[in-house]
Amino acid sequence: MDGGKRVWVPHTTEGFTLGRIVDIGADTISIEPFNAPGTIINSLYDRTFPAEEYDNKDVEDN
């Protein structure tokens, strides 16, 4: 995963939240959630999932 990429990370109340990678550490990835700018969530590598790059899709992809 590269810095600045969009990812899904676990969230305590929402299940998962969408954010972008701000730092990649040895054990965790630091994510800035889009719904809470300025805050950082540290997530384990195996609990961080890539998100689609673009929000404006023309059709559903099932």
PDB file of N, CA and C in Angstrom:
ATOM      1  N   MET A   1       0.846  -1.182   0.000  1.00  0.00           N
ATOM      2  CA  MET A   1       0.000   0.000   0.000  1.00  0.00           C
ATOM      3  C   MET A   1       0.886   1.238   0.000  1.00  0.00           C
ATOM      4  N   ASP A   2       0.472   2.226  -0.740  1.00  0.00           N
ATOM      5  CA  ASP A   2       1.255   3.443  -0.878  1.00  0.00           C
ATOM      6  C   ASP A   2       0.653   4.577  -0.065  1.00  0.00           C
ATOM      7  N   GLY A   3       1.496   5.534   0.315  1.00  0.00           N
ATOM      8  CA  GLY A   3       1.013   6.702   1.025  1.00  0.00           C
ATOM      9  C   GLY A   3       0.036   7.496   0.177  1.00  0.00           C
ATOM     10  N   GLY A   4      -1.013   8.012   0.787  1.00  0.00           N
ATOM     11  CA  GLY A   4      -2.012   8.797   0.083  1.00  0.00           C
ATOM     12  C   GLY A   4      -3.134   7.986  -0.535  1.00  0.00           C
ATOM     13  N   LYS A   5      -3.010   6.670  -0.562  1.00  0.00           N
ATOM     14  CA  LYS A   5      -4.052   5.815  -1.139  1.00  0.00           C
ATOM     15  C   LYS A   5      -5.260   5.751  -0.215  1.00  0.00           C
ATOM     16  N   ARG A   6      -6.432   5.525  -0.810  1.00  0.00           N
ATOM     17  CA  ARG A   6      -7.680   5.377  -0.048  1.00  0.00           C
ATOM     18  C   ARG A   6      -7.781   3.950   0.470  1.00  0.00           C
ATOM     19  N   VAL A   7      -8.142   3.814   1.748  1.00  0.00           N
ATOM     20  CA  VAL A   7      -8.262   2.492   2.369  1.00  0.00           C
ATOM     21  C   VAL A   7      -9.449   2.461   3.322  1.00  0.00           C
ATOM     22  N   TRP A   8      -9.919   1.253   3.623  1.00  0.00           N
ATOM     23  CA  TRP A   8     -10.923   1.008   4.658  1.00  0.00           C
ATOM     24  C   TRP A   8     -10.191   0.504   5.894  1.00  0.00           C
ATOM     25  N   VAL A   9     -10.496   1.085   7.063  1.00  0.00           N
ATOM     26  CA  VAL A   9      -9.885   0.652   8.323  1.00  0.00           C
ATOM     27  C   VAL A   9     -10.973   0.417   9.365  1.00  0.00           C
ATOM     28  N   PRO A  10     -10.715  -0.467  10.336  1.00  0.00           N
ATOM     29  CA  PRO A  10     -11.709  -0.722  11.386  1.00  0.00           C
ATOM     30  C   PRO A  10     -11.971   0.533  12.218  1.00  0.00           C
ATOM     31  N   HIS A  11     -13.226   0.692  12.617  1.00  0.00           N
ATOM     32  CA  HIS A  11     -13.629   1.810  13.467  1.00  0.00           C
ATOM     33  C   HIS A  11     -14.484   1.247  14.596  1.00  0.00           C
ATOM     34  N   THR A  12     -14.294   1.749  15.804  1.00  0.00           N
ATOM     35  CA  THR A  12     -14.960   1.167  16.975  1.00  0.00           C
ATOM     36  C   THR A  12     -16.479   1.282  16.941  1.00  0.00           C
ATOM     37  N   THR A  13     -17.032   2.353  16.383  1.00  0.00           N
ATOM     38  CA  THR A  13     -18.486   2.509  16.373  1.00  0.00           C
ATOM     39  C   THR A  13     -19.118   2.330  14.997  1.00  0.00           C
ATOM     40  N   GLU A  14     -18.364   2.560  13.925  1.00  0.00           N
ATOM     41  CA  GLU A  14     -18.922   2.495  12.576  1.00  0.00           C
ATOM     42  C   GLU A  14     -18.620   1.187  11.848  1.00  0.00           C
ATOM     43  N   GLY A  15     -17.860   0.321  12.441  1.00  0.00           N
ATOM     44  CA  GLY A  15     -17.452  -0.916  11.761  1.00  0.00           C
ATOM     45  C   GLY A  15     -16.182  -0.682  10.963  1.00  0.00           C
ATOM     46  N   PHE A  16     -16.313  -0.017   9.826  1.00  0.00           N
ATOM     47  CA  PHE A  16     -15.160   0.393   9.030  1.00  0.00           C
ATOM     48  C   PHE A  16     -15.372   1.829   8.593  1.00  0.00           C
ATOM     49  N   THR A  17     -14.271   2.553   8.374  1.00  0.00           N
ATOM     50  CA  THR A  17     -14.353   3.924   7.889  1.00  0.00           C
ATOM     51  C   THR A  17     -13.336   4.117   6.774  1.00  0.00           C
ATOM     52  N   LEU A  18     -13.632   5.037   5.876  1.00  0.00           N
ATOM     53  CA  LEU A  18     -12.784   5.315   4.729  1.00  0.00           C
ATOM     54  C   LEU A  18     -11.808   6.425   5.073  1.00  0.00           C
ATOM     55  N   GLY A  19     -10.550   6.252   4.682  1.00  0.00           N
ATOM     56  CA  GLY A  19      -9.541   7.270   4.939  1.00  0.00           C
ATOM     57  C   GLY A  19      -8.395   7.153   3.964  1.00  0.00           C
ATOM     58  N   ARG A  20      -7.349   7.948   4.201  1.00  0.00           N
ATOM     59  CA  ARG A  20      -6.170   7.881   3.338  1.00  0.00           C
ATOM     60  C   ARG A  20      -4.930   7.631   4.186  1.00  0.00           C
ATOM     61  N   ILE A  21      -3.978   6.938   3.616  1.00  0.00           N
ATOM     62  CA  ILE A  21      -2.734   6.604   4.315  1.00  0.00           C
ATOM     63  C   ILE A  21      -1.886   7.860   4.453  1.00  0.00           C
ATOM     64  N   VAL A  22      -1.431   8.141   5.685  1.00  0.00           N
ATOM     65  CA  VAL A  22      -0.539   9.273   5.915  1.00  0.00           C
ATOM     66  C   VAL A  22       0.856   8.821   6.327  1.00  0.00           C
ATOM     67  N   ASP A  23       0.985   7.609   6.872  1.00  0.00           N
ATOM     68  CA  ASP A  23       2.301   7.104   7.271  1.00  0.00           C
ATOM     69  C   ASP A  23       2.265   5.585   7.321  1.00  0.00           C
ATOM     70  N   ILE A  24       3.357   4.979   6.891  1.00  0.00           N
ATOM     71  CA  ILE A  24       3.483   3.526   6.921  1.00  0.00           C
ATOM     72  C   ILE A  24       4.607   3.178   7.884  1.00  0.00           C
ATOM     73  N   GLY A  25       4.252   2.517   8.993  1.00  0.00           N
ATOM     74  CA  GLY A  25       5.228   2.140  10.001  1.00  0.00           C
ATOM     75  C   GLY A  25       5.623   0.681   9.882  1.00  0.00           C
ATOM     76  N   ALA A  26       6.422   0.211  10.819  1.00  0.00           N
ATOM     77  CA  ALA A  26       6.880  -1.176  10.811  1.00  0.00           C
ATOM     78  C   ALA A  26       5.748  -2.145  11.130  1.00  0.00           C
ATOM     79  N   ASP A  27       4.873  -1.782  12.069  1.00  0.00           N
ATOM     80  CA  ASP A  27       3.796  -2.678  12.500  1.00  0.00           C
ATOM     81  C   ASP A  27       2.399  -2.178  12.151  1.00  0.00           C
ATOM     82  N   THR A  28       2.248  -0.860  11.986  1.00  0.00           N
ATOM     83  CA  THR A  28       0.921  -0.291  11.739  1.00  0.00           C
ATOM     84  C   THR A  28       0.964   0.724  10.603  1.00  0.00           C
ATOM     85  N   ILE A  29      -0.220   1.057  10.115  1.00  0.00           N
ATOM     86  CA  ILE A  29      -0.393   2.095   9.105  1.00  0.00           C
ATOM     87  C   ILE A  29      -1.208   3.213   9.746  1.00  0.00           C
ATOM     88  N   SER A  30      -0.779   4.460   9.569  1.00  0.00           N
ATOM     89  CA  SER A  30      -1.520   5.608  10.094  1.00  0.00           C
ATOM     90  C   SER A  30      -2.459   6.119   9.012  1.00  0.00           C
ATOM     91  N   ILE A  31      -3.746   6.236   9.384  1.00  0.00           N
ATOM     92  CA  ILE A  31      -4.795   6.616   8.450  1.00  0.00           C
ATOM     93  C   ILE A  31      -5.485   7.876   8.946  1.00  0.00           C
ATOM     94  N   GLU A  32      -5.742   8.832   8.041  1.00  0.00           N
ATOM     95  CA  GLU A  32      -6.561  10.002   8.367  1.00  0.00           C
ATOM     96  C   GLU A  32      -7.949   9.768   7.780  1.00  0.00           C
ATOM     97  N   PRO A  33      -8.964   9.585   8.632  1.00  0.00           N
ATOM     98  CA  PRO A  33     -10.319   9.337   8.131  1.00  0.00           C
ATOM     99  C   PRO A  33     -10.888  10.565   7.416  1.00  0.00           C
ATOM    100  N   PHE A  34     -11.645  10.325   6.348  1.00  0.00           N
ATOM    101  CA  PHE A  34     -12.267  11.429   5.616  1.00  0.00           C
ATOM    102  C   PHE A  34     -13.369  12.093   6.435  1.00  0.00           C
ATOM    103  N   ASN A  35     -14.025  11.350   7.322  1.00  0.00           N
ATOM    104  CA  ASN A  35     -15.121  11.929   8.106  1.00  0.00           C
ATOM    105  C   ASN A  35     -14.635  12.633   9.372  1.00  0.00           C
ATOM    106  N   ALA A  36     -13.329  12.583   9.667  1.00  0.00           N
ATOM    107  CA  ALA A  36     -12.768  13.269  10.835  1.00  0.00           C
ATOM    108  C   ALA A  36     -11.360  13.771  10.509  1.00  0.00           C
ATOM    109  N   PRO A  37     -11.251  14.779   9.631  1.00  0.00           N
ATOM    110  CA  PRO A  37      -9.929  15.288   9.254  1.00  0.00           C
ATOM    111  C   PRO A  37      -9.148  15.779  10.473  1.00  0.00           C
ATOM    112  N   GLY A  38      -7.849  15.547  10.448  1.00  0.00           N
ATOM    113  CA  GLY A  38      -6.994  15.976  11.550  1.00  0.00           C
ATOM    114  C   GLY A  38      -6.786  14.919  12.611  1.00  0.00           C
ATOM    115  N   THR A  39      -7.584  13.848  12.592  1.00  0.00           N
ATOM    116  CA  THR A  39      -7.385  12.747  13.532  1.00  0.00           C
ATOM    117  C   THR A  39      -6.680  11.605  12.809  1.00  0.00           C
ATOM    118  N   ILE A  40      -6.016  10.763  13.571  1.00  0.00           N
ATOM    119  CA  ILE A  40      -5.258   9.647  13.004  1.00  0.00           C
ATOM    120  C   ILE A  40      -5.726   8.346  13.639  1.00  0.00           C
ATOM    121  N   ILE A  41      -5.926   7.337  12.805  1.00  0.00           N
ATOM    122  CA  ILE A  41      -6.231   5.984  13.266  1.00  0.00           C
ATOM    123  C   ILE A  41      -5.038   5.113  12.906  1.00  0.00           C
ATOM    124  N   ASN A  42      -4.501   4.379  13.869  1.00  0.00           N
ATOM    125  CA  ASN A  42      -3.430   3.426  13.598  1.00  0.00           C
ATOM    126  C   ASN A  42      -4.046   2.052  13.434  1.00  0.00           C
ATOM    127  N   SER A  43      -3.750   1.412  12.315  1.00  0.00           N
ATOM    128  CA  SER A  43      -4.357   0.129  11.989  1.00  0.00           C
ATOM    129  C   SER A  43      -3.275  -0.888  11.636  1.00  0.00           C
ATOM    130  N   LEU A  44      -3.518  -2.135  12.008  1.00  0.00           N
ATOM    131  CA  LEU A  44      -2.610  -3.209  11.625  1.00  0.00           C
ATOM    132  C   LEU A  44      -2.720  -3.456  10.126  1.00  0.00           C
ATOM    133  N   TYR A  45      -1.653  -3.957   9.534  1.00  0.00           N
ATOM    134  CA  TYR A  45      -1.640  -4.221   8.093  1.00  0.00           C
ATOM    135  C   TYR A  45      -2.754  -5.174   7.676  1.00  0.00           C
ATOM    136  N   ASP A  46      -2.975  -6.230   8.452  1.00  0.00           N
ATOM    137  CA  ASP A  46      -3.970  -7.229   8.052  1.00  0.00           C
ATOM    138  C   ASP A  46      -5.408  -6.783   8.306  1.00  0.00           C
ATOM    139  N   ARG A  47      -5.608  -5.600   8.883  1.00  0.00           N
ATOM    140  CA  ARG A  47      -6.955  -5.058   9.107  1.00  0.00           C
ATOM    141  C   ARG A  47      -7.203  -3.816   8.254  1.00  0.00           C
ATOM    142  N   THR A  48      -6.311  -3.530   7.302  1.00  0.00           N
ATOM    143  CA  THR A  48      -6.426  -2.381   6.411  1.00  0.00           C
ATOM    144  C   THR A  48      -6.662  -2.889   4.999  1.00  0.00           C
ATOM    145  N   PHE A  49      -7.728  -2.387   4.361  1.00  0.00           N
ATOM    146  CA  PHE A  49      -8.128  -2.919   3.059  1.00  0.00           C
ATOM    147  C   PHE A  49      -8.180  -1.804   2.018  1.00  0.00           C
ATOM    148  N   PRO A  50      -7.677  -2.048   0.810  1.00  0.00           N
ATOM    149  CA  PRO A  50      -7.706  -1.016  -0.231  1.00  0.00           C
ATOM    150  C   PRO A  50      -9.135  -0.661  -0.627  1.00  0.00           C
ATOM    151  N   ALA A  51      -9.347   0.605  -0.944  1.00  0.00           N
ATOM    152  CA  ALA A  51     -10.652   1.092  -1.402  1.00  0.00           C
ATOM    153  C   ALA A  51     -10.534   1.466  -2.874  1.00  0.00           C
ATOM    154  N   GLU A  52     -11.680   1.584  -3.530  1.00  0.00           N
ATOM    155  CA  GLU A  52     -11.667   2.016  -4.920  1.00  0.00           C
ATOM    156  C   GLU A  52     -11.152   3.441  -5.000  1.00  0.00           C
ATOM    157  N   GLU A  53     -10.420   3.719  -6.067  1.00  0.00           N
ATOM    158  CA  GLU A  53      -9.783   5.015  -6.210  1.00  0.00           C
ATOM    159  C   GLU A  53     -10.774   6.131  -6.524  1.00  0.00           C
ATOM    160  N   TYR A  54     -11.830   5.800  -7.264  1.00  0.00           N
ATOM    161  CA  TYR A  54     -12.773   6.827  -7.713  1.00  0.00           C
ATOM    162  C   TYR A  54     -14.163   6.583  -7.134  1.00  0.00           C
ATOM    163  N   ASP A  55     -14.832   7.656  -6.750  1.00  0.00           N
ATOM    164  CA  ASP A  55     -16.193   7.564  -6.218  1.00  0.00           C
ATOM    165  C   ASP A  55     -17.256   7.662  -7.302  1.00  0.00           C
ATOM    166  N   ASN A  56     -16.913   8.241  -8.433  1.00  0.00           N
ATOM    167  CA  ASN A  56     -17.911   8.538  -9.465  1.00  0.00           C
ATOM    168  C   ASN A  56     -17.978   7.425 -10.516  1.00  0.00           C
ATOM    169  N   LYS A  57     -18.605   6.316 -10.152  1.00  0.00           N
ATOM    170  CA  LYS A  57     -18.781   5.209 -11.091  1.00  0.00           C
ATOM    171  C   LYS A  57     -20.045   5.437 -11.908  1.00  0.00           C
ATOM    172  N   ASP A  58     -19.996   5.017 -13.175  1.00  0.00           N
ATOM    173  CA  ASP A  58     -21.168   5.130 -14.043  1.00  0.00           C
ATOM    174  C   ASP A  58     -22.128   3.968 -13.855  1.00  0.00           C
ATOM    175  N   VAL A  59     -21.596   2.791 -13.496  1.00  0.00           N
ATOM    176  CA  VAL A  59     -22.421   1.597 -13.331  1.00  0.00           C
ATOM    177  C   VAL A  59     -21.985   0.846 -12.087  1.00  0.00           C
ATOM    178  N   GLU A  60     -22.875   0.042 -11.529  1.00  0.00           N
ATOM    179  CA  GLU A  60     -22.542  -0.820 -10.403  1.00  0.00           C
ATOM    180  C   GLU A  60     -21.703  -1.990 -10.904  1.00  0.00           C
ATOM    181  N   ASP A  61     -20.790  -2.466 -10.072  1.00  0.00           N
ATOM    182  CA  ASP A  61     -19.929  -3.565 -10.505  1.00  0.00           C
ATOM    183  C   ASP A  61     -20.152  -4.854  -9.722  1.00  0.00           C
ATOM    184  N   ASN A  62     -21.244  -4.924  -8.975  1.00  0.00           N
ATOM    185  CA  ASN A  62     -21.615  -6.114  -8.187  1.00  0.00           C
ATOM    186  C   ASN A  62     -20.453  -6.564  -7.366  1.00  0.00           C
TER     187      ASN A  62
END
